[in-house]
Protein backbone atom coordinates (compact mmCIF):
# COMPACT_ATOMS: atom_id res chain seq x y z
CA UNK A 1 26.70 25.33 41.78
CA UNK A 2 25.04 28.21 43.63
CA UNK A 3 25.40 29.71 47.08
CA UNK A 4 21.82 30.03 48.29
CA UNK A 5 20.87 32.08 51.36
CA UNK A 6 17.11 31.69 51.93
CA UNK A 7 15.34 33.98 54.42
CA UNK A 8 18.17 33.72 56.91
CA UNK A 9 18.03 35.46 60.32
CA UNK A 10 20.36 35.27 63.30
CA UNK A 11 19.44 36.28 66.86
CA UNK A 12 21.89 36.56 69.78
CA UNK A 13 19.67 36.90 72.87
CA UNK A 14 17.74 40.15 72.33
CA UNK A 15 20.00 41.30 69.52
CA UNK A 16 18.96 40.55 65.93
CA UNK A 17 22.26 40.47 64.00
CA UNK A 18 20.78 39.40 60.65
CA UNK A 19 17.14 39.89 59.53
CA UNK A 20 15.58 37.85 56.76
CA UNK A 21 18.38 38.01 54.15
CA UNK A 22 18.00 36.15 50.84
CA UNK A 23 20.88 36.03 48.33
CA UNK A 24 21.70 33.67 45.47
CA UNK A 25 25.25 33.80 44.08
CA UNK A 26 25.87 31.76 40.88
CA UNK A 27 29.08 29.83 40.30
CA UNK A 28 32.00 31.86 38.99
CA UNK A 29 30.75 35.27 40.13
CA UNK A 30 32.37 37.90 42.38
CA UNK A 31 29.63 39.15 44.74
CA UNK A 32 30.08 42.28 46.90
CA UNK A 33 28.79 42.41 50.45
CA UNK A 34 28.81 45.92 51.93
CA UNK A 35 27.77 47.44 55.21
CA UNK A 36 29.14 49.50 58.05
CA UNK A 37 30.50 47.82 61.21
CA UNK A 38 27.68 45.97 62.92
CA UNK A 39 25.60 45.62 59.72
CA UNK A 40 25.69 41.80 59.91
CA UNK A 41 28.26 40.95 57.21
CA UNK A 42 30.65 38.93 59.35
CA UNK A 43 27.78 37.05 61.05
CA UNK A 44 26.48 36.19 57.59
CA UNK A 45 29.91 34.97 56.51
CA UNK A 46 30.17 32.78 59.65
CA UNK A 47 26.75 31.25 58.96
CA UNK A 48 27.82 30.52 55.32
CA UNK A 49 30.89 28.75 56.69
CA UNK A 50 28.85 26.68 59.15
CA UNK A 51 30.52 28.29 62.16
CA UNK A 52 27.16 29.64 63.29
CA UNK A 53 23.73 28.14 62.72
CA UNK A 54 20.95 30.47 61.47
CA UNK A 55 18.07 31.12 63.87
CA UNK A 56 15.78 30.93 60.80
CA UNK A 57 16.19 30.03 57.14
CA UNK A 58 18.87 27.95 55.49
CA UNK A 59 22.19 28.31 53.63
CA UNK A 60 23.36 25.81 51.03
CA UNK A 61 26.21 25.41 48.53
CA UNK A 62 25.30 23.27 45.57
CA UNK A 63 22.10 22.28 47.43
CA UNK A 64 23.85 21.08 50.60
CA UNK A 65 24.73 22.73 53.90
CA UNK A 66 28.40 23.54 54.46
CA UNK A 67 29.80 21.71 57.48
CA UNK A 68 33.16 20.33 58.58
CA UNK A 69 32.87 17.45 56.09
CA UNK A 70 32.87 19.97 53.24
CA UNK A 71 35.40 22.41 54.61
CA UNK A 72 37.83 21.73 51.76
CA UNK A 73 35.33 23.35 49.35
CA UNK A 74 35.64 26.72 51.05
CA UNK A 75 38.36 29.31 51.55
CA UNK A 76 37.96 32.12 54.13
CA UNK A 77 40.07 35.22 54.62
CA UNK A 78 38.86 36.82 57.90
CA UNK A 79 39.15 40.50 58.56
CA UNK A 80 41.23 39.78 61.65
CA UNK A 81 44.55 38.09 60.87
CA UNK A 82 44.78 34.52 62.22
CA UNK A 83 48.35 33.47 61.41
CA UNK A 84 50.81 31.91 63.87
CA UNK A 85 53.54 34.56 64.35
CA UNK A 86 56.37 32.16 65.32
CA UNK A 87 55.92 29.83 62.32
CA UNK A 88 57.62 30.42 59.00
CA UNK A 89 55.48 31.05 55.94
CA UNK A 90 56.23 27.54 54.66
CA UNK A 91 55.41 25.88 58.00
CA UNK A 92 52.19 27.93 58.19
CA UNK A 93 50.95 26.97 54.73
CA UNK A 94 51.96 23.31 55.16
CA UNK A 95 49.91 23.10 58.35
CA UNK A 96 46.85 24.92 56.96
CA UNK A 97 47.00 23.09 53.64
CA UNK A 98 47.04 19.72 55.39
CA UNK A 99 43.94 20.77 57.38
CA UNK A 100 42.23 21.25 54.00
CA UNK A 101 43.21 17.74 52.88
CA UNK A 102 46.15 18.67 50.64
CA UNK A 103 49.26 16.51 50.22
CA UNK A 104 52.67 17.92 51.17
CA UNK A 105 54.14 18.03 47.63
CA UNK A 106 51.04 19.86 46.36
CA UNK A 107 51.22 22.38 49.17
CA UNK A 108 54.90 23.11 48.55
CA UNK A 109 54.33 23.50 44.81
CA UNK A 110 51.32 25.81 45.27
CA UNK A 111 53.17 27.81 47.94
CA UNK A 112 56.07 28.51 45.56
CA UNK A 113 53.70 29.49 42.77
CA UNK A 114 51.73 31.91 44.91
CA UNK A 115 54.76 33.50 46.53
CA UNK A 116 56.26 34.10 43.09
CA UNK A 117 53.00 35.57 41.75
CA UNK A 118 52.99 37.97 44.75
CA UNK A 119 56.66 38.74 44.08
CA UNK A 120 57.85 37.56 47.52
CA UNK A 121 59.51 34.12 46.95
CA UNK A 122 62.21 35.01 49.51
CA UNK A 123 59.61 35.00 52.33
CA UNK A 124 59.14 31.21 52.27
CA UNK A 125 61.38 30.61 55.30
CA UNK A 126 60.64 33.88 57.14
CA UNK A 127 58.55 33.93 60.30
CA UNK A 128 55.18 35.67 60.08
CA UNK A 129 56.17 38.13 62.83
CA UNK A 130 59.07 39.30 60.65
CA UNK A 131 56.78 40.42 57.85
CA UNK A 132 55.05 43.77 57.38
CA UNK A 133 51.28 43.91 57.86
CA UNK A 134 50.80 44.08 54.11
CA UNK A 135 52.90 41.00 53.49
CA UNK A 136 51.16 39.17 56.30
CA UNK A 137 47.91 39.91 54.49
CA UNK A 138 49.32 38.34 51.32
CA UNK A 139 50.20 35.14 53.23
CA UNK A 140 46.76 35.08 54.85
CA UNK A 141 45.21 35.37 51.38
CA UNK A 142 47.39 32.47 50.09
CA UNK A 143 46.35 30.37 53.08
CA UNK A 144 42.68 30.97 52.20
CA UNK A 145 42.95 29.88 48.58
CA UNK A 146 45.91 27.46 48.52
CA UNK A 147 43.60 24.44 48.14
CA UNK A 148 41.70 25.85 45.12
CA UNK A 149 38.33 26.22 46.89
CA UNK A 150 35.05 26.33 45.00
CA UNK A 151 33.74 29.10 47.27
CA UNK A 152 35.93 31.91 48.61
CA UNK A 153 34.92 34.45 51.25
CA UNK A 154 37.19 37.47 51.52
CA UNK A 155 36.48 39.86 54.40
CA UNK A 156 38.31 43.15 53.79
CA UNK A 157 41.04 41.51 51.63
CA UNK A 158 42.76 44.78 50.67
CA UNK A 159 43.21 45.96 54.28
CA UNK A 160 46.79 47.17 54.96
CA UNK A 161 47.93 46.92 51.33
CA UNK A 162 49.62 49.66 49.34
CA UNK A 163 48.29 50.40 45.80
CA UNK A 164 50.87 48.11 44.10
CA UNK A 165 49.93 45.17 46.27
CA UNK A 166 46.22 45.93 45.93
CA UNK A 167 46.67 45.51 42.18
CA UNK A 168 48.47 42.21 42.67
CA UNK A 169 45.68 40.91 44.92
CA UNK A 170 42.92 42.12 42.56
CA UNK A 171 44.56 40.19 39.73
CA UNK A 172 44.69 37.11 41.96
CA UNK A 173 40.97 37.45 42.76
CA UNK A 174 40.12 37.83 39.07
CA UNK A 175 42.27 34.74 38.23
CA UNK A 176 40.41 32.74 40.89
CA UNK A 177 37.11 33.71 39.35
CA UNK A 178 38.33 32.80 35.85
CA UNK A 179 39.45 29.42 37.19
CA UNK A 180 35.90 28.80 38.34
CA UNK A 181 35.76 29.93 42.02
CA UNK A 182 32.74 31.79 43.34
CA UNK A 183 33.89 34.74 45.47
CA UNK A 184 32.07 36.83 48.05
CA UNK A 185 33.96 39.80 49.36
CA UNK A 186 33.50 42.92 51.45
CA UNK A 187 35.65 46.02 51.21
CA UNK A 188 35.58 49.53 52.63
CA UNK A 189 36.96 50.70 49.28
CA UNK A 190 33.87 51.22 47.09
CA UNK A 191 35.93 51.53 43.91
CA UNK A 192 37.17 47.94 44.35
CA UNK A 193 33.61 46.67 44.62
CA UNK A 194 32.57 48.66 41.53
CA UNK A 195 35.54 47.31 39.61
CA UNK A 196 35.18 43.64 40.54
CA UNK A 197 31.52 42.91 41.27
CA UNK A 198 28.57 42.50 38.98
CA UNK A 199 26.08 41.93 41.83
CA UNK A 200 26.12 43.19 45.40
CA UNK A 201 24.18 43.58 48.61
CA UNK A 202 24.34 46.54 51.01
CA UNK A 203 23.36 45.59 54.56
CA UNK A 204 22.22 48.00 57.27
CA UNK A 205 21.34 46.90 60.81
CA UNK A 206 21.15 43.28 59.74
CA UNK A 207 18.90 43.85 56.75
CA UNK A 208 19.65 44.10 53.01
CA UNK A 209 18.71 47.66 51.95
CA UNK A 210 20.11 47.29 48.39
CA UNK A 211 20.49 44.02 46.53
CA UNK A 212 20.92 43.26 42.85
CA UNK A 213 22.93 43.92 39.75
CA UNK A 214 25.25 46.92 40.15
CA UNK A 215 24.29 48.36 36.78
CA UNK A 216 20.55 48.20 37.58
CA UNK A 217 21.07 49.56 41.09
CA UNK A 218 22.73 52.64 39.63
CA UNK A 219 19.97 53.06 37.02
CA UNK A 220 17.25 52.71 39.65
CA UNK A 221 18.95 55.25 41.93
CA UNK A 222 18.02 57.92 39.40
CA UNK A 223 20.39 60.65 40.52
CA UNK A 224 23.30 61.65 38.30
CA UNK A 225 26.64 63.39 38.97
CA UNK A 226 27.58 66.29 36.74
CA UNK A 227 31.17 67.57 36.39
CA UNK A 228 31.42 71.09 34.95
CA UNK A 229 34.49 73.19 34.02
CA UNK A 230 33.87 76.77 32.93
CA UNK A 231 35.66 80.13 33.07
CA UNK A 232 33.03 81.82 35.31
CA UNK A 233 31.44 81.20 38.73
CA UNK A 234 28.83 78.43 38.89
CA UNK A 235 27.49 79.17 42.38
CA UNK A 236 24.07 80.13 40.94
CA UNK A 237 23.49 76.53 39.97
CA UNK A 238 23.15 75.35 43.59
CA UNK A 239 19.80 77.17 43.86
CA UNK A 240 18.37 75.47 40.76
CA UNK A 241 15.49 72.96 41.17
CA UNK A 242 16.66 69.36 41.11
CA UNK A 243 20.21 70.07 42.39
CA UNK A 244 20.73 67.86 45.46
CA UNK A 245 24.44 68.48 46.08
CA UNK A 246 26.84 71.21 44.99
CA UNK A 247 30.64 71.26 45.45
CA UNK A 248 32.58 74.11 43.86
CA UNK A 249 36.29 73.88 42.97
CA UNK A 250 38.57 76.30 41.04
CA UNK A 251 37.11 76.77 37.50
CA UNK A 252 34.28 74.31 38.02
CA UNK A 253 31.89 72.32 40.18
CA UNK A 254 30.71 68.80 40.95
CA UNK A 255 26.94 68.64 41.15
CA UNK A 256 24.49 65.87 41.98
CA UNK A 257 21.14 66.21 40.27
CA UNK A 258 17.86 64.26 40.51
CA UNK A 259 17.92 63.08 36.88
CA UNK A 260 18.77 63.75 33.26
CA UNK A 261 16.17 66.48 32.79
CA UNK A 262 17.80 68.61 35.47
CA UNK A 263 21.22 67.96 33.85
CA UNK A 264 19.87 69.17 30.47
CA UNK A 265 18.43 72.30 32.13
CA UNK A 266 21.80 73.10 33.77
CA UNK A 267 23.55 72.63 30.43
CA UNK A 268 21.21 75.06 28.69
CA UNK A 269 21.73 77.69 31.41
CA UNK A 270 25.54 77.58 31.51
CA UNK A 271 26.04 77.55 27.73
CA UNK A 272 24.10 80.83 27.55
CA UNK A 273 26.46 82.48 30.05
CA UNK A 274 29.83 81.74 28.40
CA UNK A 275 32.40 79.17 27.35
CA UNK A 276 32.05 75.66 28.86
CA UNK A 277 35.24 73.65 28.77
CA UNK A 278 33.67 70.45 30.11
CA UNK A 279 30.19 69.17 30.90
CA UNK A 280 30.09 65.50 31.82
CA UNK A 281 27.20 63.45 33.21
CA UNK A 282 28.19 60.40 35.19
CA UNK A 283 26.34 57.52 36.82
CA UNK A 284 26.12 57.82 40.61
CA UNK A 285 29.01 56.21 42.47
CA UNK A 286 28.50 53.28 44.78
CA UNK A 287 29.53 55.60 47.59
CA UNK A 288 26.67 57.99 46.70
CA UNK A 289 24.19 55.12 46.85
CA UNK A 290 25.63 53.79 50.14
CA UNK A 291 25.38 57.18 51.81
CA UNK A 292 21.79 57.66 50.57
CA UNK A 293 20.61 54.22 51.73
CA UNK A 294 22.53 53.88 54.97
CA UNK A 295 22.79 57.52 56.00
CA UNK A 296 26.52 57.60 56.57
CA UNK A 297 29.82 57.06 54.76
CA UNK A 298 31.37 53.59 54.74
CA UNK A 299 34.65 54.22 56.53
């Protein structure tokens, strides 16, 4: 089973929200979708879900379009919370689970299991409005995946969560993948995408500007990050050919260079000047690549 997005575009009047995007996501993969606000991510998600029709191109899951008759195959966690504040957690999940075709005993069993895995079993009979934003996010996540969907779309799933709860949710996402679900998710936190995703797409003004395997994207980027610790000033390195960024800190510097040859040159220069405690060459971060391709940070 594959999610296939073939040359899809979406126009709203004069505004082109999505421009000729093509993505193929195999079964059982976690795929990252990145882009600043207005890049076209949410519009793409809504077209995948069948809530919007593409202006051009087609989207299929396992060779067929997703529509209301196949809604039970899909789970969606929107960026905006959509829970009923006056209902209890149990009432909420019973209602939403029934909409997905689940039977009441199965919903109650799955609800207890998920609340226990998120370490909040006592919230079963609490109203949504009584919960913190972070705990509301957990319930919204449970609502999205309670019915064991084949395809899961998570739009900013870690929003509002503290580090402990982020870890709980990451484990839940990995467990979903290992159980066979295909997951597409967006996050403002680049480190989460790097940790969870093998493939990704960066969108900018409706178009994919980077698309492919994360490892290959980093290799193709070319630039490297160099971390140096030494017992003398390193300011002279910022004037060296091939140095594209320089950030000094006490007893060291973080430097971006245009490739390994420049890194070797810097190493030769600093080892001639004195003791070097640390010299480490790292792959570029996803944040580095995003800034380069989109021209701004993803905040």
